[in-house]
Amino acid sequence: MNKALVILNGKGRRYDYAPNEQLTFMVSAAETSGQFDLVENELGYLAGPPLHIHPEQDETHYILKGQLRYQIGEETFELKSGDCVYIPKGTSHTWINLHQQPARIIAILTPGGSEGFFRTVSSSPSEQLDSESLARVALDYGAQILGPPLAISLGLVNNSVMDSKANT
């Protein structure tokens, strides 16, 4: 793209990715000639993705609001508003909101190309959102799911609860 692009507040492409978690793509690979995705992510209590890697994408998060626990490789970090984390491609990672207050982050993925995953998952019939189906869709968009979300790993919910929430 060779011209400026202005996206006004509330005008990005919003995806209700999972219960209690929304993503808004402000710009994506489609607008940046594949260079990057810029995503705002809002996470409610216990929300966060499964443990995963991006073999070909670096990911940077800036925490706008709230607090999140990150697992990056074998390390765990507690991050709050104003903190930033860079996750190199090929590094396992996940995060969770352990607080009642919603958290918001800005994520930049380079190169871009992840929007299709969220569009597919958000538009899939709810009965297709089990863990295996999610892993297959992730592979289609260059990500590998390695394990469950931290809410399950930490024993805060069980797998059947997460699958039943995905099917509502």
Protein backbone atom coordinates (compact mmCIF):
# COMPACT_ATOMS: atom_id res chain seq x y z
CA MET A 1 0.00 0.00 0.00
CA ASN A 2 1.41 3.36 -0.99
CA LYS A 3 -0.96 5.74 0.76
CA ALA A 4 -1.78 6.69 4.30
CA LEU A 5 -4.51 4.79 6.07
CA VAL A 6 -6.57 6.21 8.93
CA ILE A 7 -8.70 3.89 11.07
CA LEU A 8 -10.93 5.75 13.49
CA ASN A 9 -11.70 4.50 16.98
CA GLY A 10 -14.18 1.64 16.80
CA LYS A 11 -13.78 1.20 13.03
CA GLY A 12 -11.41 -1.78 12.87
CA ARG A 13 -12.56 -5.30 12.02
CA ARG A 14 -13.77 -6.90 15.26
CA TYR A 15 -13.75 -10.63 15.95
CA ASP A 16 -15.30 -12.28 18.99
CA TYR A 17 -12.57 -14.88 19.10
CA ALA A 18 -13.57 -16.71 22.27
CA PRO A 19 -15.89 -16.19 25.21
CA ASN A 20 -14.72 -13.09 27.04
CA GLU A 21 -12.15 -12.15 24.36
CA GLN A 22 -12.42 -9.77 21.41
CA LEU A 23 -9.86 -8.74 18.81
CA THR A 24 -9.98 -5.71 16.56
CA PHE A 25 -7.71 -5.63 13.53
CA MET A 26 -6.84 -2.01 12.97
CA VAL A 27 -4.58 -2.87 10.01
CA SER A 28 -3.55 -6.23 8.66
CA ALA A 29 -1.43 -7.84 5.98
CA ALA A 30 -4.07 -6.81 3.43
CA GLU A 31 -3.38 -3.11 4.07
CA THR A 32 0.37 -3.35 4.74
CA SER A 33 1.48 -5.45 1.76
CA GLY A 34 1.99 -8.33 4.17
CA GLN A 35 4.37 -6.41 6.45
CA PHE A 36 2.43 -6.59 9.73
CA ASP A 37 -0.86 -6.91 11.60
CA LEU A 38 -1.83 -4.37 14.29
CA VAL A 39 -4.44 -5.79 16.63
CA GLU A 40 -6.20 -4.55 19.75
CA ASN A 41 -7.14 -7.41 22.07
CA GLU A 42 -9.52 -7.11 25.02
CA LEU A 43 -9.50 -9.94 27.53
CA GLY A 44 -11.92 -10.54 30.36
CA TYR A 45 -11.33 -12.67 33.44
CA LEU A 46 -9.46 -15.93 32.67
CA ALA A 47 -9.34 -15.18 28.94
CA GLY A 48 -6.26 -15.94 26.90
CA PRO A 49 -5.15 -18.15 24.02
CA PRO A 50 -3.84 -21.71 24.05
CA LEU A 51 -0.09 -22.20 24.28
CA HIS A 52 1.16 -21.72 20.73
CA ILE A 53 4.02 -20.68 18.45
CA HIS A 54 4.28 -18.68 15.26
CA PRO A 55 7.10 -20.30 13.26
CA GLU A 56 7.31 -17.33 10.87
CA GLN A 57 6.01 -14.35 12.89
CA ASP A 58 7.49 -12.18 15.62
CA GLU A 59 4.94 -10.80 18.07
CA THR A 60 5.11 -7.67 20.20
CA HIS A 61 2.54 -6.73 22.85
CA TYR A 62 2.06 -3.40 24.59
CA ILE A 63 -0.27 -3.57 27.59
CA LEU A 64 -2.70 -0.66 27.48
CA LYS A 65 -4.84 -1.55 30.48
CA GLY A 66 -4.89 -4.14 33.24
CA GLN A 67 -2.51 -6.94 34.15
CA LEU A 68 -1.65 -10.17 32.37
CA ARG A 69 0.43 -13.22 33.14
CA TYR A 70 2.58 -14.36 30.22
CA GLN A 71 4.26 -17.69 29.73
CA ILE A 72 7.04 -17.34 27.16
CA GLY A 73 9.08 -20.47 26.68
CA GLU A 74 9.71 -21.76 30.19
CA GLU A 75 9.51 -18.31 31.83
CA THR A 76 6.53 -16.58 33.41
CA PHE A 77 6.07 -12.80 33.59
CA GLU A 78 3.49 -10.57 35.31
CA LEU A 79 2.94 -7.52 33.09
CA LYS A 80 0.80 -4.43 33.64
CA SER A 81 -0.25 -1.25 31.86
CA GLY A 82 2.72 0.36 30.13
CA ASP A 83 4.77 -2.84 29.89
CA CYS A 84 5.86 -4.32 26.58
CA VAL A 85 6.93 -7.82 25.53
CA TYR A 86 8.60 -9.06 22.35
CA ILE A 87 8.15 -12.74 21.42
CA PRO A 88 10.49 -13.97 18.67
CA LYS A 89 9.14 -16.33 16.03
CA GLY A 90 9.33 -19.97 17.02
CA THR A 91 8.94 -19.22 20.76
CA SER A 92 6.08 -20.87 22.65
CA HIS A 93 3.82 -18.38 24.40
CA THR A 94 0.44 -17.71 25.94
CA TRP A 95 -1.12 -15.21 28.36
CA ILE A 96 -4.08 -14.90 30.73
CA ASN A 97 -6.01 -12.21 32.55
CA LEU A 98 -6.18 -13.35 36.19
CA HIS A 99 -8.04 -10.22 37.32
CA GLN A 100 -11.72 -9.29 37.28
CA GLN A 101 -10.96 -6.05 35.43
CA PRO A 102 -10.65 -6.35 31.64
CA ALA A 103 -7.20 -6.05 30.12
CA ARG A 104 -6.34 -4.51 26.74
CA ILE A 105 -3.24 -4.97 24.65
CA ILE A 106 -1.96 -3.84 21.29
CA ALA A 107 -0.28 -6.67 19.38
CA ILE A 108 1.92 -6.31 16.32
CA LEU A 109 2.68 -9.46 14.34
CA THR A 110 5.41 -9.33 11.71
CA PRO A 111 5.01 -10.31 9.00
CA GLY A 112 1.23 -10.00 8.91
CA GLY A 113 -1.21 -12.69 7.97
CA SER A 114 -3.06 -13.78 11.10
CA GLU A 115 -6.43 -12.13 10.47
CA GLY A 116 -7.76 -15.09 8.48
CA PHE A 117 -7.45 -17.33 11.53
CA PHE A 118 -9.65 -15.05 13.64
CA ARG A 119 -12.13 -14.48 10.81
CA THR A 120 -12.46 -18.26 10.33
CA VAL A 121 -12.81 -19.08 14.02
CA SER A 122 -15.28 -16.23 14.63
CA SER A 123 -17.49 -17.27 11.72
CA SER A 124 -17.39 -21.04 12.37
CA PRO A 125 -20.48 -22.69 13.81
CA SER A 126 -20.02 -23.09 17.55
CA GLU A 127 -19.97 -26.90 17.38
CA GLN A 128 -16.75 -26.72 15.34
CA LEU A 129 -14.73 -24.85 17.98
CA ASP A 130 -13.28 -27.84 19.86
CA SER A 131 -9.54 -27.99 20.55
CA GLU A 132 -8.71 -30.22 17.57
CA SER A 133 -10.57 -28.03 15.09
CA LEU A 134 -8.92 -24.92 16.47
CA ALA A 135 -5.49 -26.55 16.04
CA ARG A 136 -6.25 -27.41 12.40
CA VAL A 137 -7.35 -23.85 11.62
CA ALA A 138 -4.24 -22.47 13.35
CA LEU A 139 -2.00 -24.60 11.11
CA ASP A 140 -3.79 -23.20 8.05
CA TYR A 141 -2.67 -19.71 9.14
CA GLY A 142 0.89 -20.48 10.18
CA ALA A 143 0.52 -21.09 13.92
CA GLN A 144 0.87 -24.27 15.95
CA ILE A 145 -1.12 -24.89 19.10
CA LEU A 146 1.07 -26.71 21.61
CA GLY A 147 -1.16 -26.91 24.66
CA PRO A 148 -4.22 -25.57 26.45
CA PRO A 149 -4.85 -22.01 27.62
CA LEU A 150 -3.32 -21.06 30.97
CA ALA A 151 -6.78 -21.17 32.58
CA ILE A 152 -6.64 -24.95 32.09
CA SER A 153 -2.90 -25.38 32.77
CA LEU A 154 -3.26 -23.52 36.07
CA GLY A 155 -6.28 -25.64 37.06
CA LEU A 156 -8.65 -22.65 37.13
CA VAL A 157 -11.08 -24.39 34.75
CA ASN A 158 -11.08 -27.85 33.22
CA ASN A 159 -10.96 -28.77 29.55
CA SER A 160 -14.64 -29.78 29.41
CA VAL A 161 -15.64 -26.37 30.78
CA MET A 162 -13.56 -24.62 28.09
CA ASP A 163 -15.00 -26.80 25.31
CA SER A 164 -18.55 -26.20 26.57
CA LYS A 165 -17.89 -22.45 26.62
CA ALA A 166 -16.59 -22.67 23.07
CA ASN A 167 -19.82 -24.39 22.11
CA THR A 168 -22.15 -21.67 23.36
